Amino acid sequence: MQHDEIIWHVIRHSHCSFMAKIETGIFCRNPYNVTGVCNRSSCPLANSRYATIREENGIFYLYMKTIERAHMPNKLWERVKLPRNYEKALEVIDKYLMYWPKLLIHKIKQRLTKMTQMRIRSRKLVLKTREKIMTTPRKQIKREARREEKAEKAAVLEKSIEKELLERLKKGVYGDIYNYPMNAYNKVLDMESSRAVEEEEEEEEEAEVEYVEGYDDLEEEEIDMEDFADFAKSSMPSNEKDHGGDSDEEEEVRVADHKRGKREAGKSERDEPSARSKKKAKVLVEVEREEGNERQVATH
């Protein structure tokens, strides 16, 4: 038979696994304790008639214990679900604890109030966005850096080995004995074929031929030289002209015929009429003689 006074005397003065003694007071870690304080009225073990409120998965339940179920530990607590509305929950508590001690009812309502406030605050904190501070360990960063460096070196080494093996394969160093992955070899062959195709396309593009007209500059140079020759002849002394008069006249006739033939050929080959209207640059020629200290200037 259960005796509350004996149980409390043993718990208080001997040993209790739920008791927690600290500087501020003595507390109880039992989940069914209403106030969390270790005393005679709040102890769930030393009271045969007891009630409390607990939360399970966000839902509040009213737990009640009576002395009639003390001999059945599996049915010791009666559980009643409380509504989410605070006022309706208070009405349910008043209904089920109508003839219970007033002090216990008051403690249960206080616990309901605190738990409701706690649920409201937790919902607000979930909705509120807060900064999350993340720490980056130095050892992990250094380890990753070393791994990246080793991977880069390994990649460079693999590429150099691959190039060397391909060169040896092309030269026929190994003869007819080959032991290499076919996928890698086919990949290299595809790359070489694509390079060859690109080179052929570039050669085809470079083989284009363009036709350009190039007689204008030559004609202008010849005309300038002929004009300079005529001016030099006109500036020669009279005795020189007499000695070489016949030969000069023959040369002038030949030059005039040659120039006329070239002009006719150039006009027949030109396509654009704008090429005929090119302006000739003016040439300034100065001739000095030492005998008479005379200077003659001609502009063409």
C-alpha atoms as a PDB file:
ATOM      1  CA  MET A   1       0.000   0.000   0.000  1.00  0.00           C
ATOM      2  CA  GLN A   2       1.263   3.492  -0.958  1.00  0.00           C
ATOM      3  CA  HIS A   3       2.075   5.913   1.867  1.00  0.00           C
ATOM      4  CA  ASP A   4       2.999   9.460   0.715  1.00  0.00           C
ATOM      5  CA  GLU A   5       4.734  10.580   3.926  1.00  0.00           C
ATOM      6  CA  ILE A   6       7.056   7.596   4.033  1.00  0.00           C
ATOM      7  CA  ILE A   7       7.944   8.047   0.352  1.00  0.00           C
ATOM      8  CA  TRP A   8       8.729  11.735   0.856  1.00  0.00           C
ATOM      9  CA  HIS A   9      10.827  11.050   3.962  1.00  0.00           C
ATOM     10  CA  VAL A  10      12.936   8.514   2.068  1.00  0.00           C
ATOM     11  CA  ILE A  11      13.327  10.732  -1.006  1.00  0.00           C
ATOM     12  CA  ARG A  12      14.140  13.901   0.897  1.00  0.00           C
ATOM     13  CA  HIS A  13      16.526  12.582   3.508  1.00  0.00           C
ATOM     14  CA  SER A  14      18.006   9.529   1.800  1.00  0.00           C
ATOM     15  CA  HIS A  15      18.416   9.562  -1.994  1.00  0.00           C
ATOM     16  CA  CYS A  16      16.477  10.675  -5.084  1.00  0.00           C
ATOM     17  CA  SER A  17      17.817  10.270  -8.653  1.00  0.00           C
ATOM     18  CA  PHE A  18      15.762  13.275  -9.884  1.00  0.00           C
ATOM     19  CA  MET A  19      17.088  15.711  -7.275  1.00  0.00           C
ATOM     20  CA  ALA A  20      19.524  18.432  -8.427  1.00  0.00           C
ATOM     21  CA  LYS A  21      21.196  20.528  -5.703  1.00  0.00           C
ATOM     22  CA  ILE A  22      22.767  23.806  -6.836  1.00  0.00           C
ATOM     23  CA  GLU A  23      23.637  27.104  -5.168  1.00  0.00           C
ATOM     24  CA  THR A  24      20.272  28.768  -5.860  1.00  0.00           C
ATOM     25  CA  GLY A  25      18.169  25.871  -4.560  1.00  0.00           C
ATOM     26  CA  ILE A  26      17.095  22.249  -4.927  1.00  0.00           C
ATOM     27  CA  PHE A  27      15.394  21.336  -8.205  1.00  0.00           C
ATOM     28  CA  CYS A  28      13.677  18.257  -9.630  1.00  0.00           C
ATOM     29  CA  ARG A  29      14.462  16.768 -13.078  1.00  0.00           C
ATOM     30  CA  ASN A  30      11.334  14.584 -13.208  1.00  0.00           C
ATOM     31  CA  PRO A  31       9.377  15.392 -16.441  1.00  0.00           C
ATOM     32  CA  TYR A  32       6.033  15.164 -14.572  1.00  0.00           C
ATOM     33  CA  ASN A  33       6.967  17.855 -12.015  1.00  0.00           C
ATOM     34  CA  VAL A  34       4.710  20.931 -12.344  1.00  0.00           C
ATOM     35  CA  THR A  35       7.041  23.617 -10.992  1.00  0.00           C
ATOM     36  CA  GLY A  36      10.470  21.962 -11.332  1.00  0.00           C
ATOM     37  CA  VAL A  37      11.194  22.603  -7.640  1.00  0.00           C
ATOM     38  CA  CYS A  38      11.846  19.760  -5.181  1.00  0.00           C
ATOM     39  CA  ASN A  39       9.280  20.147  -2.355  1.00  0.00           C
ATOM     40  CA  ARG A  40       6.456  18.177  -0.753  1.00  0.00           C
ATOM     41  CA  SER A  41       3.552  19.642  -2.778  1.00  0.00           C
ATOM     42  CA  SER A  42       5.336  19.505  -6.202  1.00  0.00           C
ATOM     43  CA  CYS A  43       6.861  16.016  -5.990  1.00  0.00           C
ATOM     44  CA  PRO A  44       5.079  13.608  -8.418  1.00  0.00           C
ATOM     45  CA  LEU A  45       6.403  10.539  -6.545  1.00  0.00           C
ATOM     46  CA  ALA A  46       5.255  11.513  -3.012  1.00  0.00           C
ATOM     47  CA  ASN A  47       1.719  12.567  -4.087  1.00  0.00           C
ATOM     48  CA  SER A  48      -0.796   9.851  -4.959  1.00  0.00           C
ATOM     49  CA  ARG A  49      -3.163  12.470  -6.445  1.00  0.00           C
ATOM     50  CA  TYR A  50      -1.245  14.586  -8.929  1.00  0.00           C
ATOM     51  CA  ALA A  51      -1.715  16.431 -12.248  1.00  0.00           C
ATOM     52  CA  THR A  52       0.599  18.201 -14.719  1.00  0.00           C
ATOM     53  CA  ILE A  53       0.916  19.396 -18.347  1.00  0.00           C
ATOM     54  CA  ARG A  54       3.389  18.023 -20.920  1.00  0.00           C
ATOM     55  CA  GLU A  55       4.144  18.797 -24.558  1.00  0.00           C
ATOM     56  CA  GLU A  56       4.492  16.125 -27.242  1.00  0.00           C
ATOM     57  CA  ASN A  57       5.132  17.119 -30.891  1.00  0.00           C
ATOM     58  CA  GLY A  58       3.800  20.646 -30.338  1.00  0.00           C
ATOM     59  CA  ILE A  59       0.587  19.467 -28.635  1.00  0.00           C
ATOM     60  CA  PHE A  60      -0.235  20.045 -24.958  1.00  0.00           C
ATOM     61  CA  TYR A  61      -1.659  17.186 -22.848  1.00  0.00           C
ATOM     62  CA  LEU A  62      -3.109  17.191 -19.345  1.00  0.00           C
ATOM     63  CA  TYR A  63      -1.800  14.264 -17.265  1.00  0.00           C
ATOM     64  CA  MET A  64      -3.678  13.139 -14.140  1.00  0.00           C
ATOM     65  CA  LYS A  65      -2.783  10.481 -11.535  1.00  0.00           C
ATOM     66  CA  THR A  66      -5.121   8.999  -8.906  1.00  0.00           C
ATOM     67  CA  ILE A  67      -4.597   6.528  -6.106  1.00  0.00           C
ATOM     68  CA  GLU A  68      -7.103   4.088  -7.600  1.00  0.00           C
ATOM     69  CA  ARG A  69      -4.600   3.258 -10.431  1.00  0.00           C
ATOM     70  CA  ALA A  70      -1.527   3.037  -8.181  1.00  0.00           C
ATOM     71  CA  HIS A  71      -1.457  -0.773  -8.496  1.00  0.00           C
ATOM     72  CA  MET A  72      -1.345  -0.534 -12.354  1.00  0.00           C
ATOM     73  CA  PRO A  73       1.859   1.246 -13.453  1.00  0.00           C
ATOM     74  CA  ASN A  74       0.989   0.926 -17.163  1.00  0.00           C
ATOM     75  CA  LYS A  75      -2.258   2.862 -16.597  1.00  0.00           C
ATOM     76  CA  LEU A  76      -1.093   5.166 -13.862  1.00  0.00           C
ATOM     77  CA  TRP A  77      -1.475   8.442 -15.830  1.00  0.00           C
ATOM     78  CA  GLU A  78      -4.629   9.588 -17.603  1.00  0.00           C
ATOM     79  CA  ARG A  79      -3.941  11.845 -20.599  1.00  0.00           C
ATOM     80  CA  VAL A  80      -6.301  14.494 -22.047  1.00  0.00           C
ATOM     81  CA  LYS A  81      -5.512  16.526 -25.162  1.00  0.00           C
ATOM     82  CA  LEU A  82      -5.805  20.292 -24.725  1.00  0.00           C
ATOM     83  CA  PRO A  83      -6.999  22.569 -27.573  1.00  0.00           C
ATOM     84  CA  ARG A  84      -4.666  25.141 -29.138  1.00  0.00           C
ATOM     85  CA  ASN A  85      -6.821  28.017 -27.994  1.00  0.00           C
ATOM     86  CA  TYR A  86      -5.601  29.236 -24.613  1.00  0.00           C
ATOM     87  CA  GLU A  87      -9.066  30.051 -23.199  1.00  0.00           C
ATOM     88  CA  LYS A  88     -10.531  26.723 -24.274  1.00  0.00           C
ATOM     89  CA  ALA A  89      -7.597  24.917 -22.702  1.00  0.00           C
ATOM     90  CA  LEU A  90      -8.293  26.655 -19.412  1.00  0.00           C
ATOM     91  CA  GLU A  91     -11.923  25.562 -19.610  1.00  0.00           C
ATOM     92  CA  VAL A  92     -10.843  21.937 -20.131  1.00  0.00           C
ATOM     93  CA  ILE A  93      -8.555  22.146 -17.089  1.00  0.00           C
ATOM     94  CA  ASP A  94     -11.370  23.522 -14.941  1.00  0.00           C
ATOM     95  CA  LYS A  95     -13.676  20.775 -16.147  1.00  0.00           C
ATOM     96  CA  TYR A  96     -11.375  17.824 -15.343  1.00  0.00           C
ATOM     97  CA  LEU A  97      -9.887  19.306 -12.128  1.00  0.00           C
ATOM     98  CA  MET A  98     -13.093  20.645 -10.628  1.00  0.00           C
ATOM     99  CA  TYR A  99     -12.690  18.991  -7.181  1.00  0.00           C
ATOM    100  CA  TRP A 100      -8.890  19.022  -7.004  1.00  0.00           C
ATOM    101  CA  PRO A 101      -6.819  21.240  -4.681  1.00  0.00           C
ATOM    102  CA  LYS A 102      -6.883  24.901  -5.681  1.00  0.00           C
ATOM    103  CA  LEU A 103      -3.117  25.291  -5.288  1.00  0.00           C
ATOM    104  CA  LEU A 104      -2.451  22.457  -7.763  1.00  0.00           C
ATOM    105  CA  ILE A 105      -4.940  23.895 -10.292  1.00  0.00           C
ATOM    106  CA  HIS A 106      -3.248  27.297 -10.018  1.00  0.00           C
ATOM    107  CA  LYS A 107       0.191  25.744 -10.650  1.00  0.00           C
ATOM    108  CA  ILE A 108      -1.120  23.829 -13.681  1.00  0.00           C
ATOM    109  CA  LYS A 109      -2.597  27.016 -15.219  1.00  0.00           C
ATOM    110  CA  GLN A 110       0.682  28.849 -14.646  1.00  0.00           C
ATOM    111  CA  ARG A 111       2.537  26.039 -16.426  1.00  0.00           C
ATOM    112  CA  LEU A 112       0.078  26.221 -19.332  1.00  0.00           C
ATOM    113  CA  THR A 113       0.644  29.994 -19.602  1.00  0.00           C
ATOM    114  CA  LYS A 114       4.449  29.661 -19.661  1.00  0.00           C
ATOM    115  CA  MET A 115       4.366  26.868 -22.223  1.00  0.00           C
ATOM    116  CA  THR A 116       2.012  28.855 -24.481  1.00  0.00           C
ATOM    117  CA  GLN A 117       4.328  31.873 -24.369  1.00  0.00           C
ATOM    118  CA  MET A 118       7.276  29.641 -25.139  1.00  0.00           C
ATOM    119  CA  ARG A 119       5.494  28.201 -28.194  1.00  0.00           C
ATOM    120  CA  ILE A 120       4.681  31.706 -29.494  1.00  0.00           C
ATOM    121  CA  ARG A 121       8.296  32.836 -29.117  1.00  0.00           C
ATOM    122  CA  SER A 122       9.624  29.730 -30.860  1.00  0.00           C
ATOM    123  CA  ARG A 123       7.342  30.354 -33.865  1.00  0.00           C
ATOM    124  CA  LYS A 124       8.513  33.970 -34.110  1.00  0.00           C
ATOM    125  CA  LEU A 125      12.156  32.896 -34.007  1.00  0.00           C
ATOM    126  CA  VAL A 126      11.579  30.373 -36.773  1.00  0.00           C
ATOM    127  CA  LEU A 127      10.006  33.018 -39.022  1.00  0.00           C
ATOM    128  CA  LYS A 128      12.714  35.579 -38.239  1.00  0.00           C
ATOM    129  CA  THR A 129      15.776  35.508 -40.483  1.00  0.00           C
ATOM    130  CA  ARG A 130      19.036  35.538 -38.579  1.00  0.00           C
ATOM    131  CA  GLU A 131      22.668  35.437 -39.587  1.00  0.00           C
ATOM    132  CA  LYS A 132      24.345  32.113 -39.189  1.00  0.00           C
ATOM    133  CA  ILE A 133      28.023  32.146 -38.285  1.00  0.00           C
ATOM    134  CA  MET A 134      30.003  29.429 -40.010  1.00  0.00           C
ATOM    135  CA  THR A 135      33.512  28.456 -39.005  1.00  0.00           C
ATOM    136  CA  THR A 136      36.070  27.271 -41.535  1.00  0.00           C
ATOM    137  CA  PRO A 137      38.741  25.036 -39.993  1.00  0.00           C
ATOM    138  CA  ARG A 138      42.287  25.891 -41.017  1.00  0.00           C
ATOM    139  CA  LYS A 139      43.418  22.296 -41.206  1.00  0.00           C
ATOM    140  CA  GLN A 140      40.722  21.439 -43.717  1.00  0.00           C
ATOM    141  CA  ILE A 141      41.575  24.471 -45.885  1.00  0.00           C
ATOM    142  CA  LYS A 142      45.280  23.577 -45.916  1.00  0.00           C
ATOM    143  CA  ARG A 143      44.471  19.958 -46.682  1.00  0.00           C
ATOM    144  CA  GLU A 144      42.301  20.929 -49.654  1.00  0.00           C
ATOM    145  CA  ALA A 145      44.987  23.293 -50.960  1.00  0.00           C
ATOM    146  CA  ARG A 146      47.600  20.526 -50.826  1.00  0.00           C
ATOM    147  CA  ARG A 147      45.266  18.142 -52.623  1.00  0.00           C
ATOM    148  CA  GLU A 148      44.589  20.675 -55.394  1.00  0.00           C
ATOM    149  CA  GLU A 149      48.309  21.266 -55.881  1.00  0.00           C
ATOM    150  CA  LYS A 150      49.007  17.532 -56.105  1.00  0.00           C
ATOM    151  CA  ALA A 151      46.134  17.063 -58.560  1.00  0.00           C
ATOM    152  CA  GLU A 152      47.478  19.826 -60.821  1.00  0.00           C
ATOM    153  CA  LYS A 153      50.964  18.300 -60.813  1.00  0.00           C
ATOM    154  CA  ALA A 154      49.530  14.868 -61.602  1.00  0.00           C
ATOM    155  CA  ALA A 155      47.500  16.300 -64.501  1.00  0.00           C
ATOM    156  CA  VAL A 156      50.572  17.993 -65.998  1.00  0.00           C
ATOM    157  CA  LEU A 157      52.584  14.780 -65.623  1.00  0.00           C
ATOM    158  CA  GLU A 158      49.856  12.709 -67.285  1.00  0.00           C
ATOM    159  CA  LYS A 159      49.682  15.101 -70.237  1.00  0.00           C
ATOM    160  CA  SER A 160      53.453  15.034 -70.713  1.00  0.00           C
ATOM    161  CA  ILE A 161      53.474  11.216 -70.542  1.00  0.00           C
ATOM    162  CA  GLU A 162      50.643  11.049 -73.050  1.00  0.00           C
ATOM    163  CA  LYS A 163      52.491  13.329 -75.492  1.00  0.00           C
ATOM    164  CA  GLU A 164      55.696  11.321 -75.150  1.00  0.00           C
ATOM    165  CA  LEU A 165      53.894   8.018 -75.732  1.00  0.00           C
ATOM    166  CA  LEU A 166      52.119   9.391 -78.791  1.00  0.00           C
ATOM    167  CA  GLU A 167      55.413  10.595 -80.244  1.00  0.00           C
ATOM    168  CA  ARG A 168      56.977   7.180 -79.657  1.00  0.00           C
ATOM    169  CA  LEU A 169      53.931   5.503 -81.179  1.00  0.00           C
ATOM    170  CA  LYS A 170      54.223   7.653 -84.303  1.00  0.00           C
ATOM    171  CA  LYS A 171      57.961   6.928 -84.608  1.00  0.00           C
ATOM    172  CA  GLY A 172      57.371   3.183 -84.200  1.00  0.00           C
ATOM    173  CA  VAL A 173      59.595   2.727 -81.172  1.00  0.00           C
ATOM    174  CA  TYR A 174      57.567  -0.176 -79.759  1.00  0.00           C
ATOM    175  CA  GLY A 175      57.120  -2.029 -82.989  1.00  0.00           C
ATOM    176  CA  ASP A 176      53.961  -4.082 -83.417  1.00  0.00           C
ATOM    177  CA  ILE A 177      53.353  -4.693 -79.686  1.00  0.00           C
ATOM    178  CA  TYR A 178      50.770  -2.267 -78.257  1.00  0.00           C
ATOM    179  CA  ASN A 179      49.103  -2.354 -74.866  1.00  0.00           C
ATOM    180  CA  TYR A 180      47.167   0.863 -74.302  1.00  0.00           C
ATOM    181  CA  PRO A 181      43.519   1.851 -73.722  1.00  0.00           C
ATOM    182  CA  MET A 182      41.595   2.041 -76.975  1.00  0.00           C
ATOM    183  CA  ASN A 183      39.336   4.867 -75.766  1.00  0.00           C
ATOM    184  CA  ALA A 184      42.268   7.202 -75.190  1.00  0.00           C
ATOM    185  CA  TYR A 185      43.823   6.265 -78.530  1.00  0.00           C
ATOM    186  CA  ASN A 186      40.572   6.859 -80.440  1.00  0.00           C
ATOM    187  CA  LYS A 187      40.204  10.202 -78.669  1.00  0.00           C
ATOM    188  CA  VAL A 188      43.674  11.281 -79.796  1.00  0.00           C
ATOM    189  CA  LEU A 189      42.967  10.120 -83.353  1.00  0.00           C
ATOM    190  CA  ASP A 190      39.780  12.174 -83.432  1.00  0.00           C
ATOM    191  CA  MET A 191      41.688  15.233 -82.200  1.00  0.00           C
ATOM    192  CA  GLU A 192      44.343  14.801 -84.890  1.00  0.00           C
ATOM    193  CA  SER A 193      41.742  14.342 -87.642  1.00  0.00           C
ATOM    194  CA  SER A 194      39.916  17.499 -86.519  1.00  0.00           C
ATOM    195  CA  ARG A 195      43.228  19.413 -86.583  1.00  0.00           C
ATOM    196  CA  ALA A 196      43.970  18.146 -90.092  1.00  0.00           C
ATOM    197  CA  VAL A 197      40.525  19.222 -91.295  1.00  0.00           C
ATOM    198  CA  GLU A 198      41.026  22.684 -89.811  1.00  0.00           C
ATOM    199  CA  GLU A 199      44.421  23.023 -91.497  1.00  0.00           C
ATOM    200  CA  GLU A 200      42.928  22.007 -94.862  1.00  0.00           C
ATOM    201  CA  GLU A 201      40.181  24.587 -94.470  1.00  0.00           C
ATOM    202  CA  GLU A 202      42.771  27.261 -93.674  1.00  0.00           C
ATOM    203  CA  GLU A 203      44.798  26.307 -96.757  1.00  0.00           C
ATOM    204  CA  GLU A 204      41.677  26.481 -98.924  1.00  0.00           C
ATOM    205  CA  GLU A 205      40.894  29.908 -97.561  1.00  0.00           C
ATOM    206  CA  GLU A 206      44.459  31.124 -98.186  1.00  0.00           C
ATOM    207  CA  ALA A 207      44.398  29.919-101.830  1.00  0.00           C
ATOM    208  CA  GLU A 208      41.970  32.649-102.920  1.00  0.00           C
ATOM    209  CA  VAL A 209      43.196  34.762-105.853  1.00  0.00           C
ATOM    210  CA  GLU A 210      42.409  38.455-106.314  1.00  0.00           C
ATOM    211  CA  TYR A 211      42.957  40.605-109.418  1.00  0.00           C
ATOM    212  CA  VAL A 212      44.113  44.210-108.919  1.00  0.00           C
ATOM    213  CA  GLU A 213      44.760  46.938-111.473  1.00  0.00           C
ATOM    214  CA  GLY A 214      48.327  48.269-111.296  1.00  0.00           C
ATOM    215  CA  TYR A 215      49.069  50.468-114.348  1.00  0.00           C
ATOM    216  CA  ASP A 216      48.219  53.869-112.942  1.00  0.00           C
ATOM    217  CA  ASP A 217      51.291  54.258-110.775  1.00  0.00           C
ATOM    218  CA  LEU A 218      53.613  53.101-113.534  1.00  0.00           C
ATOM    219  CA  GLU A 219      52.114  55.544-116.047  1.00  0.00           C
ATOM    220  CA  GLU A 220      52.405  58.456-113.630  1.00  0.00           C
ATOM    221  CA  GLU A 221      56.074  57.645-112.954  1.00  0.00           C
ATOM    222  CA  GLU A 222      56.825  57.378-116.695  1.00  0.00           C
ATOM    223  CA  ILE A 223      55.066  60.678-117.417  1.00  0.00           C
ATOM    224  CA  ASP A 224      57.005  62.419-114.656  1.00  0.00           C
ATOM    225  CA  MET A 225      60.333  61.075-115.914  1.00  0.00           C
ATOM    226  CA  GLU A 226      59.516  62.083-119.510  1.00  0.00           C
ATOM    227  CA  ASP A 227      58.612  65.599-118.398  1.00  0.00           C
ATOM    228  CA  PHE A 228      61.833  65.840-116.445  1.00  0.00           C
ATOM    229  CA  ALA A 229      63.799  64.667-119.516  1.00  0.00           C
ATOM    230  CA  ASP A 230      62.094  67.269-121.726  1.00  0.00           C
ATOM    231  CA  PHE A 231      62.875  70.009-119.221  1.00  0.00           C
ATOM    232  CA  ALA A 232      66.508  68.949-119.032  1.00  0.00           C
ATOM    233  CA  LYS A 233      66.781  69.027-122.813  1.00  0.00           C
ATOM    234  CA  SER A 234      65.237  72.485-123.023  1.00  0.00           C
ATOM    235  CA  SER A 235      67.690  73.757-120.431  1.00  0.00           C
ATOM    236  CA  MET A 236      70.776  72.479-122.306  1.00  0.00           C
ATOM    237  CA  PRO A 237      73.048  75.028-124.097  1.00  0.00           C
ATOM    238  CA  SER A 238      72.627  75.747-127.796  1.00  0.00           C
ATOM    239  CA  ASN A 239      75.898  74.144-128.938  1.00  0.00           C
ATOM    240  CA  GLU A 240      74.946  70.834-127.352  1.00  0.00           C
ATOM    241  CA  LYS A 241      71.552  71.010-129.008  1.00  0.00           C
ATOM    242  CA  ASP A 242      73.112  71.532-132.422  1.00  0.00           C
ATOM    243  CA  HIS A 243      75.410  68.539-132.120  1.00  0.00           C
ATOM    244  CA  GLY A 244      72.742  66.145-130.974  1.00  0.00           C
ATOM    245  CA  GLY A 245      69.667  67.659-132.587  1.00  0.00           C
ATOM    246  CA  ASP A 246      68.968  64.869-134.984  1.00  0.00           C
ATOM    247  CA  SER A 247      69.340  62.155-132.402  1.00  0.00           C
ATOM    248  CA  ASP A 248      67.194  64.042-129.897  1.00  0.00           C
ATOM    249  CA  GLU A 249      64.374  64.457-132.374  1.00  0.00           C
ATOM    250  CA  GLU A 250      64.443  60.747-133.172  1.00  0.00           C
ATOM    251  CA  GLU A 251      64.362  59.843-129.481  1.00  0.00           C
ATOM    252  CA  GLU A 252      61.451  62.210-128.829  1.00  0.00           C
ATOM    253  CA  VAL A 253      59.457  60.607-131.652  1.00  0.00           C
ATOM    254  CA  ARG A 254      60.132  57.137-130.274  1.00  0.00           C
ATOM    255  CA  VAL A 255      59.167  58.138-126.735  1.00  0.00           C
ATOM    256  CA  ALA A 256      55.972  59.828-127.919  1.00  0.00           C
ATOM    257  CA  ASP A 257      54.947  56.740-129.933  1.00  0.00           C
ATOM    258  CA  HIS A 258      55.727  54.434-127.015  1.00  0.00           C
ATOM    259  CA  LYS A 259      53.752  56.615-124.579  1.00  0.00           C
ATOM    260  CA  ARG A 260      50.754  56.850-126.910  1.00  0.00           C
ATOM    261  CA  GLY A 261      50.650  53.056-127.324  1.00  0.00           C
ATOM    262  CA  LYS A 262      50.760  52.480-123.560  1.00  0.00           C
ATOM    263  CA  ARG A 263      47.974  54.989-122.939  1.00  0.00           C
ATOM    264  CA  GLU A 264      45.705  53.302-125.461  1.00  0.00           C
ATOM    265  CA  ALA A 265      46.402  49.872-123.949  1.00  0.00           C
ATOM    266  CA  GLY A 266      45.735  51.171-120.408  1.00  0.00           C
ATOM    267  CA  LYS A 267      42.434  52.782-121.381  1.00  0.00           C
ATOM    268  CA  SER A 268      41.189  49.564-122.979  1.00  0.00           C
ATOM    269  CA  GLU A 269      41.977  47.467-119.836  1.00  0.00           C
ATOM    270  CA  ARG A 270      40.490  49.844-117.228  1.00  0.00           C
ATOM    271  CA  ASP A 271      37.005  49.140-115.864  1.00  0.00           C
ATOM    272  CA  GLU A 272      36.399  52.079-113.570  1.00  0.00           C
ATOM    273  CA  PRO A 273      36.142  55.553-115.105  1.00  0.00           C
ATOM    274  CA  SER A 274      37.229  57.182-111.836  1.00  0.00           C
ATOM    275  CA  ALA A 275      40.771  55.932-112.345  1.00  0.00           C
ATOM    276  CA  ARG A 276      41.215  58.330-115.307  1.00  0.00           C
ATOM    277  CA  SER A 277      40.523  61.416-113.228  1.00  0.00           C
ATOM    278  CA  LYS A 278      43.445  60.995-110.821  1.00  0.00           C
ATOM    279  CA  LYS A 279      45.335  64.198-110.207  1.00  0.00           C
ATOM    280  CA  LYS A 280      48.998  64.305-111.091  1.00  0.00           C
ATOM    281  CA  ALA A 281      51.330  65.564-108.395  1.00  0.00           C
ATOM    282  CA  LYS A 282      53.203  68.738-109.127  1.00  0.00           C
ATOM    283  CA  VAL A 283      56.960  68.340-109.544  1.00  0.00           C
ATOM    284  CA  LEU A 284      59.315  71.234-108.849  1.00  0.00           C
ATOM    285  CA  VAL A 285      62.677  70.917-110.649  1.00  0.00           C
ATOM    286  CA  GLU A 286      65.609  73.287-110.154  1.00  0.00           C
ATOM    287  CA  VAL A 287      68.671  73.279-112.438  1.00  0.00           C
ATOM    288  CA  GLU A 288      71.806  75.276-111.575  1.00  0.00           C
ATOM    289  CA  ARG A 289      74.722  76.002-113.836  1.00  0.00           C
ATOM    290  CA  GLU A 290      78.175  76.806-112.602  1.00  0.00           C
ATOM    291  CA  GLU A 291      79.218  78.927-115.644  1.00  0.00           C
ATOM    292  CA  GLY A 292      76.601  81.631-115.612  1.00  0.00           C
ATOM    293  CA  ASN A 293      75.320  81.100-112.042  1.00  0.00           C
ATOM    294  CA  GLU A 294      71.859  80.920-113.492  1.00  0.00           C
ATOM    295  CA  ARG A 295      68.943  79.076-111.874  1.00  0.00           C
ATOM    296  CA  GLN A 296      65.920  77.841-113.823  1.00  0.00           C
ATOM    297  CA  VAL A 297      62.746  76.585-112.084  1.00  0.00           C
ATOM    298  CA  ALA A 298      60.097  74.502-113.828  1.00  0.00           C
ATOM    299  CA  THR A 299      56.784  73.335-112.295  1.00  0.00           C
ATOM    300  CA  HIS A 300      54.830  70.369-113.752  1.00  0.00           C
END
